[in-house]
Amino acid sequence: MTKLEALFSYTPAQRRDAWISLGSQQVDGYTKVFIKGTLFRLVETGPTITLNGCVFYVTENFTDSTFEWEGYSLDDPATGSISKNSISHPYLKCVLTQAEFNAITTDFDPAFIPFQGADQSVIIDDLDLENILFEVGVPFMEYEELEYTREEILRNAVWPAMKEYFKWFPIIELETHPMGAGGKFEIDIPPYAYTAQRVYLIPGFGMDVYSRNPFYMSWAQGNSGFGFGTSPVIGSPMAHRGRQRFVDIQGFSTYILERAARQGAVNYAKRTRIRISIQKRKVIGFANQIGNLEIEWAVNSNDWNDIPYQRQSEVRDLAKAYILRGLAMLRKQTPKDVPGILNVDDFLSRAVELEKTTLDNLRSATKAVVVRS
């Protein structure tokens, strides 16, 4: 959901509160520079100004030294579209009319935070985006000449390409959970992750839990040394007045065999099962060992710079393929007998070439290798 879509899902009072939360900005006829993502209220008066008192949202950065509010009117309250001489403004959307603003009777709600969970737009430098769109005519052509806005290109071409990359090379967020001998466990997949790439149990101590595992003492005796009933660790100053134990070969062999036998019993009795449920968004499992459960969450990112520099060219080519195919399929819907229609077959063939090459590279870079010891 974009911020504009979120605004239209709010009540008029919530839109007013969003405007106040963002600073209660007001503009008049002298304002010529508009910043993407801002909310402002128009305070310009005049005989031909019909939008005075309305609250607007800016969808893209733009500067227009000749911009005047005179003659603009609201076309569609559902979308916030405004127009002048039957030409809609591409970047200014009216989200609250003066009549709706004046009809609000509730006080400002300071607990209301606008745009939570909205606008997961791609964060990308304008130069990087121009490199992606160079084959379709940008910067020679303006975005509106492509019949797609900048936000639509990011949402439908760049973002799918980035998700495809992070499917093969996710960002890993490590999370650790102390495990006792409680048996079953269910851990929610956090909202920022799309799955768990790897989940594994590291046996050991150091957890803030008490174990009721029947194999606990066996594990402890087989792995801990002095203090748990087994032979003390070689060289420990805490036993035999600092003298080295098992100085003879036979004694040391007994020490090793004792530990191996105890560990063998533990290994035979341990049970661990871990399953990742994408539908329930949970990591579900069972373990009768104590230790640390480490989970590697696989995470996407909407920041272009989170892609390693040496891989950005591949993601750039994949985004090119998506936008070339989108533009080609859009223009294929136009009747072929209309004069001046572009031949889009080259767009489609280029899109297929780029997509196949990029996906083959991503797949070949992540092939599993089995090494036998």
Protein backbone atom coordinates (compact mmCIF):
# COMPACT_ATOMS: atom_id res chain seq x y z
CA MET A 1 0.00 0.00 0.00
CA THR A 2 1.36 3.40 -0.98
CA LYS A 3 1.07 6.46 1.22
CA LEU A 4 -1.58 7.92 -1.09
CA GLU A 5 -3.63 4.73 -0.85
CA ALA A 6 -3.22 4.80 2.93
CA LEU A 7 -4.48 8.38 3.07
CA PHE A 8 -7.66 7.51 1.16
CA SER A 9 -8.24 4.58 3.52
CA TYR A 10 -8.29 6.99 6.48
CA THR A 11 -11.28 8.93 7.76
CA PRO A 12 -11.32 12.70 7.12
CA ALA A 13 -10.31 13.25 10.75
CA GLN A 14 -7.33 10.93 10.36
CA ARG A 15 -6.24 12.74 7.20
CA ARG A 16 -6.40 16.01 9.12
CA ASP A 17 -4.37 14.41 11.93
CA ALA A 18 -1.81 13.13 9.40
CA TRP A 19 -1.40 16.67 8.07
CA ILE A 20 -0.90 18.01 11.61
CA SER A 21 1.54 15.20 12.51
CA LEU A 22 3.72 16.10 9.52
CA GLY A 23 4.00 19.73 10.56
CA SER A 24 0.76 21.47 9.46
CA GLN A 25 2.47 22.83 6.36
CA GLN A 26 0.68 25.58 4.44
CA VAL A 27 1.53 26.91 0.98
CA ASP A 28 0.39 29.84 -1.13
CA GLY A 29 0.78 30.93 -4.73
CA TYR A 30 4.47 31.70 -4.30
CA THR A 31 5.42 28.05 -3.72
CA LYS A 32 7.10 26.58 -6.82
CA VAL A 33 9.08 23.66 -5.34
CA PHE A 34 7.20 20.61 -4.05
CA ILE A 35 8.78 17.70 -2.17
CA LYS A 36 7.61 14.12 -2.55
CA GLY A 37 5.69 12.71 0.43
CA THR A 38 4.65 16.04 1.93
CA LEU A 39 1.14 17.04 2.99
CA PHE A 40 0.18 20.71 2.79
CA ARG A 41 -2.91 22.90 2.94
CA LEU A 42 -3.51 25.56 0.32
CA VAL A 43 -4.10 29.06 1.70
CA GLU A 44 -4.19 30.94 -1.60
CA THR A 45 -7.30 33.03 -2.27
CA GLY A 46 -8.57 34.51 -5.50
CA PRO A 47 -11.66 34.72 -7.69
CA THR A 48 -10.64 31.72 -9.82
CA ILE A 49 -9.06 29.58 -7.05
CA THR A 50 -11.52 26.87 -6.04
CA LEU A 51 -9.16 24.64 -4.04
CA ASN A 52 -8.38 27.04 -1.19
CA GLY A 53 -8.37 25.23 2.15
CA CYS A 54 -7.85 21.77 0.63
CA VAL A 55 -5.12 19.41 1.82
CA PHE A 56 -2.83 17.97 -0.86
CA TYR A 57 -0.33 15.12 -1.06
CA VAL A 58 2.75 15.32 -3.32
CA THR A 59 3.50 12.03 -5.11
CA GLU A 60 6.80 13.11 -6.75
CA ASN A 61 9.37 15.87 -6.46
CA PHE A 62 8.80 18.62 -8.98
CA THR A 63 9.70 22.24 -9.59
CA ASP A 64 7.64 24.52 -11.82
CA SER A 65 8.42 28.24 -11.86
CA THR A 66 5.24 28.93 -13.88
CA PHE A 67 2.88 26.96 -11.65
CA GLU A 68 -0.32 28.80 -10.68
CA TRP A 69 -3.32 27.52 -8.71
CA GLU A 70 -5.78 29.55 -10.74
CA GLY A 71 -8.08 27.39 -12.85
CA TYR A 72 -7.42 24.10 -11.05
CA SER A 73 -10.46 22.12 -9.89
CA LEU A 74 -11.12 18.76 -8.25
CA ASP A 75 -12.05 16.10 -10.81
CA ASP A 76 -12.47 12.95 -8.75
CA PRO A 77 -12.66 13.04 -4.94
CA ALA A 78 -12.05 9.27 -4.81
CA THR A 79 -8.60 9.59 -6.37
CA GLY A 80 -7.82 13.22 -5.53
CA SER A 81 -7.20 14.09 -9.18
CA ILE A 82 -7.10 17.82 -9.98
CA SER A 83 -6.99 19.33 -13.46
CA LYS A 84 -6.66 22.58 -15.33
CA ASN A 85 -7.98 22.98 -18.89
CA SER A 86 -8.85 19.26 -18.88
CA ILE A 87 -5.23 18.30 -18.11
CA SER A 88 -4.72 16.40 -14.86
CA HIS A 89 -1.78 17.29 -12.66
CA PRO A 90 0.40 14.16 -12.29
CA TYR A 91 1.95 14.91 -8.89
CA LEU A 92 -0.63 16.77 -6.77
CA LYS A 93 -3.54 14.88 -5.21
CA CYS A 94 -6.30 16.43 -3.12
CA VAL A 95 -6.88 14.20 -0.09
CA LEU A 96 -9.15 16.48 1.94
CA THR A 97 -11.48 19.20 0.68
CA GLN A 98 -12.19 22.40 2.57
CA ALA A 99 -15.77 21.27 3.25
CA GLU A 100 -14.52 17.98 4.73
CA PHE A 101 -11.89 19.81 6.76
CA ASN A 102 -14.44 22.25 8.24
CA ALA A 103 -16.86 19.42 9.03
CA ILE A 104 -14.40 17.66 11.37
CA THR A 105 -15.55 18.04 14.98
CA THR A 106 -13.13 15.73 16.79
CA ASP A 107 -9.92 16.96 18.41
CA PHE A 108 -6.49 16.09 17.12
CA ASP A 109 -5.39 12.59 18.17
CA PRO A 110 -1.69 12.71 19.13
CA ALA A 111 -1.56 8.89 19.33
CA PHE A 112 -2.37 8.52 15.63
CA ILE A 113 0.78 7.80 13.58
CA PRO A 114 0.20 8.06 9.82
CA PHE A 115 1.57 5.73 7.17
CA GLN A 116 2.44 2.82 9.46
CA GLY A 117 3.14 -0.16 7.22
CA ALA A 118 2.59 1.94 4.10
CA ASP A 119 4.87 2.90 1.23
CA GLN A 120 7.41 0.11 0.94
CA SER A 121 8.79 1.95 -2.04
CA VAL A 122 12.19 1.10 -3.47
CA ILE A 123 14.99 3.37 -2.27
CA ILE A 124 17.14 4.00 -5.32
CA ASP A 125 19.22 6.87 -6.62
CA ASP A 126 17.85 8.71 -9.65
CA LEU A 127 21.02 7.94 -11.62
CA ASP A 128 20.67 4.19 -10.99
CA LEU A 129 17.05 4.33 -12.11
CA GLU A 130 18.04 6.21 -15.26
CA ASN A 131 20.55 3.46 -16.05
CA ILE A 132 17.74 0.90 -15.82
CA LEU A 133 15.42 2.93 -18.05
CA PHE A 134 18.02 4.07 -20.56
CA GLU A 135 16.99 1.44 -23.14
CA VAL A 136 13.40 2.73 -23.13
CA GLY A 137 14.37 6.37 -23.68
CA VAL A 138 14.94 7.93 -20.25
CA PRO A 139 16.23 10.63 -19.68
CA PHE A 140 15.42 11.74 -23.25
CA MET A 141 11.77 10.92 -22.46
CA GLU A 142 9.86 11.96 -19.36
CA TYR A 143 8.26 9.37 -17.09
CA GLU A 144 4.75 10.37 -18.12
CA GLU A 145 5.67 9.72 -21.74
CA LEU A 146 6.33 6.08 -20.80
CA GLU A 147 2.70 5.82 -19.63
CA TYR A 148 3.97 4.66 -16.23
CA THR A 149 4.84 6.87 -13.27
CA ARG A 150 8.13 6.57 -11.45
CA GLU A 151 6.39 4.86 -8.52
CA GLU A 152 4.70 2.35 -10.81
CA ILE A 153 8.03 1.50 -12.45
CA LEU A 154 9.65 0.97 -9.07
CA ARG A 155 6.75 -1.13 -7.81
CA ASN A 156 6.25 -3.32 -10.88
CA ALA A 157 9.73 -3.63 -12.40
CA VAL A 158 12.54 -2.73 -9.98
CA TRP A 159 11.05 -4.24 -6.83
CA PRO A 160 10.29 -7.67 -8.42
CA ALA A 161 13.86 -7.79 -9.73
CA MET A 162 15.23 -7.01 -6.27
CA LYS A 163 13.03 -9.69 -4.69
CA GLU A 164 14.28 -12.22 -7.24
CA TYR A 165 17.86 -11.39 -6.26
CA PHE A 166 17.16 -11.64 -2.52
CA LYS A 167 15.45 -14.99 -3.10
CA TRP A 168 18.85 -16.39 -4.08
CA PHE A 169 21.04 -14.17 -1.90
CA PRO A 170 18.98 -13.08 1.12
CA ILE A 171 20.19 -10.77 3.84
CA ILE A 172 20.77 -12.95 6.91
CA GLU A 173 19.62 -11.80 10.34
CA LEU A 174 20.85 -14.13 13.10
CA GLU A 175 18.62 -14.75 16.11
CA THR A 176 19.39 -17.00 19.08
CA HIS A 177 16.93 -18.70 21.43
CA PRO A 178 18.02 -20.57 24.59
CA MET A 179 16.60 -24.08 24.64
CA GLY A 180 15.95 -26.23 27.66
CA ALA A 181 14.61 -29.76 27.62
CA GLY A 182 11.05 -28.58 27.23
CA GLY A 183 10.54 -30.57 24.05
CA LYS A 184 8.33 -28.68 21.58
CA PHE A 185 8.85 -25.09 20.48
CA GLU A 186 7.13 -22.65 18.11
CA ILE A 187 8.85 -19.44 17.08
CA ASP A 188 7.12 -16.83 14.93
CA ILE A 189 8.79 -15.71 11.71
CA PRO A 190 9.27 -11.95 12.22
CA PRO A 191 7.45 -9.55 9.87
CA TYR A 192 10.69 -8.38 8.26
CA ALA A 193 11.70 -11.93 7.17
CA TYR A 194 10.12 -14.06 4.44
CA THR A 195 11.46 -17.40 5.71
CA ALA A 196 14.16 -19.03 7.82
CA GLN A 197 17.11 -20.07 5.70
CA ARG A 198 18.72 -22.28 8.32
CA VAL A 199 17.79 -23.42 11.82
CA TYR A 200 20.17 -25.46 13.94
CA LEU A 201 20.69 -26.42 17.58
CA ILE A 202 24.10 -25.93 19.19
CA PRO A 203 24.34 -28.17 22.29
CA GLY A 204 25.96 -26.61 25.30
CA PHE A 205 25.58 -24.71 28.55
CA GLY A 206 25.18 -21.03 29.28
CA MET A 207 21.40 -20.81 28.97
CA ASP A 208 19.23 -19.23 31.65
CA VAL A 209 17.08 -22.36 31.91
CA TYR A 210 17.00 -25.44 34.11
CA SER A 211 17.00 -28.73 32.32
CA ARG A 212 14.70 -31.64 33.11
CA ASN A 213 16.17 -33.78 30.37
CA PRO A 214 16.67 -37.38 31.56
CA PHE A 215 19.89 -37.47 29.55
CA TYR A 216 21.15 -34.23 31.09
CA MET A 217 23.60 -35.79 33.57
CA SER A 218 24.86 -38.21 30.95
CA TRP A 219 25.54 -35.32 28.60
CA ALA A 220 27.13 -33.27 31.35
CA GLN A 221 29.35 -36.05 32.57
CA GLY A 222 30.44 -36.91 29.06
CA ASN A 223 31.34 -33.35 28.14
CA SER A 224 32.22 -31.34 31.22
CA GLY A 225 35.13 -32.98 33.05
CA PHE A 226 35.97 -32.39 36.66
CA GLY A 227 33.03 -31.64 38.91
CA PHE A 228 30.44 -33.85 37.19
CA GLY A 229 31.62 -37.27 38.30
CA THR A 230 33.93 -38.06 35.42
CA SER A 231 37.69 -37.97 35.20
CA PRO A 232 39.06 -34.44 35.71
CA VAL A 233 40.48 -32.49 32.81
CA ILE A 234 44.14 -33.08 32.14
CA GLY A 235 46.38 -30.36 33.60
CA SER A 236 43.72 -28.94 35.95
CA PRO A 237 45.27 -27.44 39.11
CA MET A 238 42.08 -28.32 41.00
CA ALA A 239 42.92 -32.00 41.33
CA HIS A 240 45.88 -34.14 42.25
CA ARG A 241 47.68 -31.08 43.61
CA GLY A 242 48.32 -29.73 40.14
CA ARG A 243 49.96 -32.89 38.83
CA GLN A 244 48.98 -34.08 35.37
CA ARG A 245 46.56 -36.99 35.47
CA PHE A 246 46.73 -40.05 33.25
CA VAL A 247 50.45 -39.62 32.70
CA ASP A 248 50.67 -43.19 31.44
CA ILE A 249 49.35 -44.10 28.03
CA GLN A 250 46.87 -46.67 29.36
CA GLY A 251 45.33 -44.16 31.79
CA PHE A 252 44.82 -41.52 29.10
CA SER A 253 43.17 -44.11 26.84
CA THR A 254 40.75 -44.95 29.62
CA TYR A 255 39.92 -41.26 29.96
CA ILE A 256 39.22 -40.92 26.22
CA LEU A 257 37.16 -44.13 26.05
CA GLU A 258 35.08 -43.07 29.06
CA ARG A 259 34.17 -39.77 27.46
CA ALA A 260 33.45 -41.41 24.12
CA ALA A 261 31.13 -43.97 25.72
CA ARG A 262 29.19 -41.30 27.56
CA GLN A 263 28.89 -39.12 24.46
CA GLY A 264 27.81 -42.12 22.43
CA ALA A 265 24.92 -42.73 24.80
CA VAL A 266 23.88 -39.10 24.51
CA ASN A 267 24.11 -39.14 20.71
CA TYR A 268 22.03 -42.31 20.54
CA ALA A 269 19.28 -40.84 22.71
CA LYS A 270 19.10 -37.27 21.35
CA ARG A 271 16.17 -36.29 19.14
CA THR A 272 15.83 -33.08 17.14
CA ARG A 273 13.25 -32.17 14.52
CA ILE A 274 12.82 -28.71 13.01
CA ARG A 275 10.26 -27.67 10.41
CA ILE A 276 9.63 -24.26 8.80
CA SER A 277 5.93 -23.56 8.18
CA ILE A 278 5.51 -20.73 5.68
CA GLN A 279 1.70 -20.91 5.93
CA LYS A 280 1.70 -20.45 9.72
CA ARG A 281 4.83 -18.27 9.59
CA LYS A 282 6.43 -20.30 12.36
CA VAL A 283 9.50 -22.37 13.06
CA ILE A 284 8.14 -25.53 14.69
CA GLY A 285 10.22 -28.26 16.25
CA PHE A 286 11.22 -30.55 19.07
CA ALA A 287 14.53 -31.16 20.85
CA ASN A 288 15.48 -33.11 23.97
CA GLN A 289 18.87 -31.41 24.23
CA ILE A 290 19.77 -28.18 25.93
CA GLY A 291 21.64 -25.55 23.99
CA ASN A 292 21.16 -22.52 21.76
CA LEU A 293 18.74 -22.61 18.84
CA GLU A 294 20.17 -20.34 16.15
CA ILE A 295 17.91 -19.14 13.34
CA GLU A 296 19.11 -17.43 10.19
CA TRP A 297 16.19 -15.30 8.98
CA ALA A 298 16.14 -14.61 5.23
CA VAL A 299 15.31 -10.94 4.71
CA ASN A 300 14.44 -8.76 1.70
CA SER A 301 15.43 -5.13 1.40
CA ASN A 302 13.87 -2.26 -0.51
CA ASP A 303 17.17 -0.35 -0.52
CA TRP A 304 19.05 -0.69 -3.81
CA ASN A 305 22.38 -0.15 -2.02
CA ASP A 306 21.87 -3.34 0.01
CA ILE A 307 22.64 -5.26 -3.18
CA PRO A 308 26.42 -5.85 -3.42
CA TYR A 309 28.04 -3.65 -6.02
CA GLN A 310 29.31 -6.59 -8.07
CA ARG A 311 25.73 -7.94 -8.35
CA GLN A 312 23.88 -4.71 -9.14
CA SER A 313 24.42 -5.09 -12.88
CA GLU A 314 22.50 -8.39 -12.87
CA VAL A 315 19.56 -6.93 -10.95
CA ARG A 316 19.66 -3.88 -13.25
CA ASP A 317 19.36 -6.14 -16.31
CA LEU A 318 16.48 -8.06 -14.77
CA ALA A 319 14.62 -4.82 -13.99
CA LYS A 320 15.22 -3.73 -17.60
CA ALA A 321 13.65 -6.97 -18.79
CA TYR A 322 10.53 -6.41 -16.69
CA ILE A 323 10.01 -2.82 -17.84
CA LEU A 324 10.69 -3.69 -21.51
CA ARG A 325 8.13 -6.49 -21.36
CA GLY A 326 5.58 -4.28 -19.59
CA LEU A 327 5.88 -1.49 -22.15
CA ALA A 328 5.81 -3.95 -25.06
CA MET A 329 2.68 -5.74 -23.87
CA LEU A 330 0.98 -2.39 -23.25
CA ARG A 331 1.70 -1.20 -26.77
CA LYS A 332 0.69 -4.52 -28.31
CA GLN A 333 -2.86 -3.74 -27.24
CA THR A 334 -2.91 -0.81 -29.68
CA PRO A 335 -4.37 -1.60 -33.16
CA LYS A 336 -1.59 -2.32 -35.65
CA ASP A 337 -3.10 -0.13 -38.38
CA VAL A 338 -2.65 3.09 -36.39
CA PRO A 339 0.07 5.28 -37.98
CA GLY A 340 3.21 5.88 -35.96
CA ILE A 341 2.91 2.79 -33.74
CA LEU A 342 6.30 1.47 -32.61
CA ASN A 343 7.42 -2.05 -33.41
CA VAL A 344 7.70 -3.58 -29.95
CA ASP A 345 8.99 -6.99 -31.02
CA ASP A 346 12.53 -5.80 -30.29
CA PHE A 347 11.43 -4.89 -26.77
CA LEU A 348 10.12 -8.42 -26.18
CA SER A 349 13.14 -10.21 -27.62
CA ARG A 350 15.49 -8.00 -25.59
CA ALA A 351 13.44 -8.67 -22.44
CA VAL A 352 13.62 -12.45 -22.97
CA GLU A 353 17.38 -12.27 -23.55
CA LEU A 354 18.08 -10.21 -20.43
CA GLU A 355 15.79 -12.24 -18.19
CA LYS A 356 17.18 -15.61 -19.28
CA THR A 357 20.80 -14.53 -18.92
CA THR A 358 20.27 -12.99 -15.48
CA LEU A 359 18.24 -15.85 -14.03
CA ASP A 360 20.75 -18.39 -15.34
CA ASN A 361 23.55 -16.47 -13.65
CA LEU A 362 21.69 -16.31 -10.33
CA ARG A 363 20.84 -20.01 -10.40
CA SER A 364 24.34 -21.13 -11.37
CA ALA A 365 25.88 -19.00 -8.62
CA THR A 366 23.92 -20.86 -5.91
CA LYS A 367 24.42 -24.49 -6.95
CA ALA A 368 24.97 -26.90 -4.07
CA VAL A 369 28.36 -28.60 -3.79
CA VAL A 370 28.74 -31.84 -1.82
CA VAL A 371 32.21 -32.62 -0.48
CA ARG A 372 32.85 -36.09 0.87
CA SER A 373 35.44 -36.45 3.58
